[in-house]
Amino acid sequence: MATSITPLGRRVLVKRSNSEEKTAGGIFLPDTAKEKPQEAEVIALGTGKDDEGKDVKDLFTVKKGDKVLISKYGGTEVKVDGDDLLIINETDILGIVK
């Protein structure tokens, strides 16, 4: 996926995984009843500069393509080429899914 957004600083651009549309009992859920998924894929990393302009790019603990768990309500939602993406601080990433 090519994107025209490059996050700044220690921010990460992620795409949430699709949530289940059907419950275990077979009931289909409308979008308004679904919980936001906490699993996402890393699309792009920030510029790697801190507030003072020091290079911190090597300090990212995730890389492009990683599957991660993110905070449920963190970040800023953006729409790019019809895709719903999320810009979050690296600190909002809870773990890497293996």
N, C-alpha and C. Protein backbone atom coordinates (compact mmCIF):
# COMPACT_ATOMS: atom_id res chain seq x y z
N MET A 1 0.85 -1.17 0.00
CA MET A 1 0.00 0.00 0.00
C MET A 1 0.89 1.23 0.00
N ALA A 2 0.77 2.04 -1.02
CA ALA A 2 1.50 3.31 -1.06
C ALA A 2 0.64 4.38 -0.42
N THR A 3 1.27 5.23 0.37
CA THR A 3 0.51 6.27 1.03
C THR A 3 1.22 7.60 0.87
N SER A 4 0.45 8.65 0.87
CA SER A 4 1.01 9.99 0.71
C SER A 4 1.23 10.68 2.05
N ILE A 5 1.12 9.94 3.13
CA ILE A 5 1.29 10.51 4.46
C ILE A 5 2.56 9.94 5.09
N THR A 6 3.42 10.84 5.58
CA THR A 6 4.58 10.43 6.37
C THR A 6 4.39 11.03 7.75
N PRO A 7 4.24 10.19 8.77
CA PRO A 7 4.08 10.72 10.13
C PRO A 7 5.35 11.47 10.55
N LEU A 8 5.20 12.39 11.46
CA LEU A 8 6.33 13.16 11.97
C LEU A 8 6.77 12.62 13.32
N GLY A 9 8.04 12.81 13.64
CA GLY A 9 8.56 12.44 14.95
C GLY A 9 8.42 10.96 15.23
N ARG A 10 8.00 10.63 16.44
CA ARG A 10 7.88 9.24 16.89
C ARG A 10 6.47 8.70 16.66
N ARG A 11 5.82 9.15 15.60
CA ARG A 11 4.47 8.68 15.29
C ARG A 11 4.53 7.55 14.27
N VAL A 12 3.47 6.74 14.25
CA VAL A 12 3.40 5.58 13.37
C VAL A 12 2.03 5.59 12.69
N LEU A 13 2.01 5.30 11.39
CA LEU A 13 0.77 5.19 10.63
C LEU A 13 0.38 3.72 10.58
N VAL A 14 -0.82 3.39 11.03
CA VAL A 14 -1.28 2.00 11.07
C VAL A 14 -2.65 1.87 10.42
N LYS A 15 -2.95 0.65 10.00
CA LYS A 15 -4.28 0.33 9.48
C LYS A 15 -4.86 -0.74 10.37
N ARG A 16 -6.02 -0.44 10.96
CA ARG A 16 -6.68 -1.41 11.84
C ARG A 16 -7.11 -2.64 11.04
N SER A 17 -7.04 -3.80 11.69
CA SER A 17 -7.54 -5.04 11.09
C SER A 17 -9.05 -4.99 11.09
N ASN A 18 -9.66 -5.73 10.18
CA ASN A 18 -11.12 -5.77 10.14
C ASN A 18 -11.64 -6.53 11.34
N SER A 19 -12.69 -5.99 11.95
CA SER A 19 -13.30 -6.67 13.10
C SER A 19 -14.31 -7.70 12.60
N GLU A 20 -14.64 -8.61 13.47
CA GLU A 20 -15.60 -9.66 13.13
C GLU A 20 -16.97 -9.05 12.85
N GLU A 21 -17.61 -9.51 11.79
CA GLU A 21 -18.94 -9.02 11.45
C GLU A 21 -20.04 -9.91 12.00
N LYS A 22 -19.65 -11.10 12.46
CA LYS A 22 -20.63 -12.06 12.93
C LYS A 22 -20.19 -12.57 14.30
N THR A 23 -21.13 -12.68 15.22
CA THR A 23 -20.83 -13.20 16.56
C THR A 23 -20.70 -14.72 16.50
N ALA A 24 -20.24 -15.31 17.59
CA ALA A 24 -20.10 -16.76 17.66
C ALA A 24 -21.45 -17.45 17.48
N GLY A 25 -22.53 -16.76 17.87
CA GLY A 25 -23.88 -17.32 17.74
C GLY A 25 -24.48 -17.14 16.36
N GLY A 26 -23.74 -16.46 15.45
CA GLY A 26 -24.22 -16.30 14.08
C GLY A 26 -24.97 -15.00 13.81
N ILE A 27 -24.97 -14.08 14.77
CA ILE A 27 -25.66 -12.80 14.58
C ILE A 27 -24.72 -11.81 13.90
N PHE A 28 -25.20 -11.18 12.82
CA PHE A 28 -24.40 -10.18 12.12
C PHE A 28 -24.52 -8.83 12.83
N LEU A 29 -23.39 -8.19 13.05
CA LEU A 29 -23.36 -6.91 13.77
C LEU A 29 -23.26 -5.73 12.80
N PRO A 30 -24.04 -4.68 13.03
CA PRO A 30 -23.87 -3.46 12.22
C PRO A 30 -22.59 -2.75 12.66
N ASP A 31 -22.07 -1.85 11.81
CA ASP A 31 -20.83 -1.12 12.12
C ASP A 31 -20.90 -0.38 13.44
N THR A 32 -22.08 0.13 13.79
CA THR A 32 -22.21 0.91 15.02
C THR A 32 -22.10 0.06 16.28
N ALA A 33 -22.31 -1.24 16.15
CA ALA A 33 -22.26 -2.12 17.32
C ALA A 33 -20.90 -2.81 17.49
N LYS A 34 -20.03 -2.65 16.49
CA LYS A 34 -18.73 -3.32 16.55
C LYS A 34 -17.77 -2.55 17.44
N GLU A 35 -16.91 -3.30 18.11
CA GLU A 35 -15.83 -2.67 18.88
C GLU A 35 -14.69 -2.36 17.93
N LYS A 36 -13.95 -1.29 18.24
CA LYS A 36 -12.79 -0.97 17.43
C LYS A 36 -11.74 -2.06 17.64
N PRO A 37 -11.22 -2.62 16.54
CA PRO A 37 -10.20 -3.65 16.71
C PRO A 37 -8.91 -3.04 17.25
N GLN A 38 -8.20 -3.81 18.07
CA GLN A 38 -6.95 -3.34 18.64
C GLN A 38 -5.75 -3.86 17.87
N GLU A 39 -5.98 -4.72 16.90
CA GLU A 39 -4.87 -5.23 16.10
C GLU A 39 -4.76 -4.38 14.84
N ALA A 40 -3.52 -4.05 14.45
CA ALA A 40 -3.29 -3.20 13.29
C ALA A 40 -1.99 -3.58 12.61
N GLU A 41 -1.83 -3.09 11.39
CA GLU A 41 -0.58 -3.30 10.65
C GLU A 41 0.13 -1.96 10.49
N VAL A 42 1.45 -1.96 10.71
CA VAL A 42 2.23 -0.74 10.55
C VAL A 42 2.41 -0.45 9.07
N ILE A 43 1.97 0.75 8.65
CA ILE A 43 2.05 1.16 7.25
C ILE A 43 3.28 2.03 7.01
N ALA A 44 3.56 2.96 7.94
CA ALA A 44 4.70 3.86 7.78
C ALA A 44 5.18 4.33 9.15
N LEU A 45 6.48 4.62 9.23
CA LEU A 45 7.08 5.14 10.45
C LEU A 45 7.34 6.63 10.29
N GLY A 46 7.42 7.31 11.42
CA GLY A 46 7.66 8.75 11.42
C GLY A 46 9.05 9.11 10.93
N THR A 47 9.32 10.40 10.94
CA THR A 47 10.59 10.91 10.45
C THR A 47 11.74 10.59 11.38
N GLY A 48 11.43 10.22 12.61
CA GLY A 48 12.47 9.82 13.54
C GLY A 48 13.21 10.97 14.20
N LYS A 49 12.60 12.11 14.28
CA LYS A 49 13.20 13.26 14.96
C LYS A 49 12.41 13.55 16.23
N ASP A 50 13.13 13.89 17.30
CA ASP A 50 12.42 14.28 18.52
C ASP A 50 12.18 15.78 18.50
N ASP A 51 11.63 16.32 19.58
CA ASP A 51 11.29 17.74 19.65
C ASP A 51 12.50 18.66 19.49
N GLU A 52 13.67 18.17 19.82
CA GLU A 52 14.88 18.98 19.73
C GLU A 52 15.63 18.77 18.42
N GLY A 53 15.06 17.97 17.50
CA GLY A 53 15.67 17.74 16.20
C GLY A 53 16.70 16.63 16.17
N LYS A 54 16.88 15.91 17.26
CA LYS A 54 17.83 14.80 17.29
C LYS A 54 17.25 13.60 16.55
N ASP A 55 18.12 12.89 15.82
CA ASP A 55 17.69 11.72 15.06
C ASP A 55 17.45 10.54 15.99
N VAL A 56 16.23 10.02 15.97
CA VAL A 56 15.88 8.87 16.81
C VAL A 56 15.27 7.74 15.98
N LYS A 57 15.49 7.77 14.66
CA LYS A 57 14.87 6.79 13.76
C LYS A 57 15.24 5.35 14.13
N ASP A 58 16.47 5.14 14.60
CA ASP A 58 16.90 3.79 14.96
C ASP A 58 16.27 3.31 16.26
N LEU A 59 15.57 4.18 16.97
CA LEU A 59 14.97 3.81 18.24
C LEU A 59 13.57 3.22 18.11
N PHE A 60 12.98 3.22 16.91
CA PHE A 60 11.66 2.61 16.72
C PHE A 60 11.75 1.12 17.03
N THR A 61 10.80 0.61 17.78
CA THR A 61 10.79 -0.81 18.11
C THR A 61 9.95 -1.62 17.14
N VAL A 62 9.24 -0.95 16.24
CA VAL A 62 8.44 -1.63 15.22
C VAL A 62 8.99 -1.28 13.85
N LYS A 63 8.59 -2.06 12.86
CA LYS A 63 8.98 -1.75 11.49
C LYS A 63 7.77 -1.91 10.57
N LYS A 64 7.88 -1.38 9.38
CA LYS A 64 6.79 -1.44 8.41
C LYS A 64 6.40 -2.90 8.17
N GLY A 65 5.10 -3.18 8.21
CA GLY A 65 4.59 -4.52 7.99
C GLY A 65 4.31 -5.30 9.26
N ASP A 66 4.80 -4.82 10.42
CA ASP A 66 4.56 -5.50 11.69
C ASP A 66 3.07 -5.48 12.04
N LYS A 67 2.59 -6.58 12.63
CA LYS A 67 1.24 -6.62 13.21
C LYS A 67 1.39 -6.24 14.67
N VAL A 68 0.61 -5.25 15.11
CA VAL A 68 0.77 -4.73 16.47
C VAL A 68 -0.58 -4.64 17.17
N LEU A 69 -0.53 -4.58 18.50
CA LEU A 69 -1.70 -4.27 19.32
C LEU A 69 -1.60 -2.81 19.72
N ILE A 70 -2.69 -2.07 19.55
CA ILE A 70 -2.68 -0.64 19.84
C ILE A 70 -3.72 -0.29 20.89
N SER A 71 -3.55 0.88 21.51
CA SER A 71 -4.54 1.37 22.47
C SER A 71 -5.88 1.52 21.78
N LYS A 72 -6.93 1.22 22.50
CA LYS A 72 -8.27 1.23 21.92
C LYS A 72 -8.71 2.62 21.45
N TYR A 73 -8.39 3.65 22.22
CA TYR A 73 -8.90 4.97 21.90
C TYR A 73 -7.81 5.98 21.58
N GLY A 74 -6.60 5.55 21.31
CA GLY A 74 -5.50 6.47 21.02
C GLY A 74 -5.46 6.84 19.54
N GLY A 75 -4.72 7.87 19.22
CA GLY A 75 -4.44 8.24 17.84
C GLY A 75 -5.46 9.14 17.19
N THR A 76 -5.16 9.47 15.95
CA THR A 76 -6.01 10.34 15.14
C THR A 76 -6.37 9.60 13.86
N GLU A 77 -7.65 9.49 13.59
CA GLU A 77 -8.11 8.78 12.40
C GLU A 77 -7.99 9.69 11.17
N VAL A 78 -7.50 9.12 10.06
CA VAL A 78 -7.39 9.82 8.79
C VAL A 78 -7.87 8.89 7.69
N LYS A 79 -8.35 9.49 6.60
CA LYS A 79 -8.81 8.69 5.46
C LYS A 79 -7.89 9.02 4.28
N VAL A 80 -7.26 7.97 3.71
CA VAL A 80 -6.35 8.14 2.59
C VAL A 80 -6.75 7.15 1.50
N ASP A 81 -7.07 7.65 0.32
CA ASP A 81 -7.46 6.80 -0.81
C ASP A 81 -8.56 5.82 -0.45
N GLY A 82 -9.51 6.23 0.37
CA GLY A 82 -10.63 5.39 0.77
C GLY A 82 -10.34 4.45 1.92
N ASP A 83 -9.10 4.42 2.41
CA ASP A 83 -8.73 3.56 3.54
C ASP A 83 -8.77 4.36 4.83
N ASP A 84 -9.32 3.76 5.88
CA ASP A 84 -9.30 4.39 7.20
C ASP A 84 -8.00 4.00 7.89
N LEU A 85 -7.16 5.00 8.15
CA LEU A 85 -5.87 4.78 8.80
C LEU A 85 -5.84 5.53 10.12
N LEU A 86 -4.82 5.28 10.90
CA LEU A 86 -4.69 5.87 12.22
C LEU A 86 -3.25 6.30 12.43
N ILE A 87 -3.05 7.54 12.87
CA ILE A 87 -1.72 8.02 13.23
C ILE A 87 -1.64 8.00 14.75
N ILE A 88 -0.68 7.22 15.28
CA ILE A 88 -0.55 7.07 16.72
C ILE A 88 0.89 7.34 17.14
N ASN A 89 1.06 7.68 18.39
CA ASN A 89 2.40 7.77 18.96
C ASN A 89 2.92 6.35 19.15
N GLU A 90 4.22 6.19 19.05
CA GLU A 90 4.78 4.85 19.24
C GLU A 90 4.44 4.31 20.63
N THR A 91 4.26 5.19 21.59
CA THR A 91 3.93 4.75 22.95
C THR A 91 2.52 4.17 23.04
N ASP A 92 1.66 4.40 22.04
CA ASP A 92 0.33 3.81 22.01
C ASP A 92 0.32 2.38 21.49
N ILE A 93 1.50 1.89 21.07
CA ILE A 93 1.62 0.50 20.62
C ILE A 93 1.90 -0.35 21.84
N LEU A 94 1.03 -1.33 22.09
CA LEU A 94 1.13 -2.14 23.29
C LEU A 94 2.02 -3.36 23.11
N GLY A 95 2.13 -3.87 21.89
CA GLY A 95 2.95 -5.04 21.64
C GLY A 95 2.95 -5.43 20.19
N ILE A 96 3.86 -6.33 19.82
CA ILE A 96 3.96 -6.85 18.47
C ILE A 96 3.37 -8.25 18.46
N VAL A 97 2.49 -8.53 17.50
CA VAL A 97 1.85 -9.83 17.37
C VAL A 97 2.74 -10.71 16.49
N LYS A 98 3.10 -11.86 16.99
CA LYS A 98 3.96 -12.79 16.22
C LYS A 98 3.14 -13.90 15.66
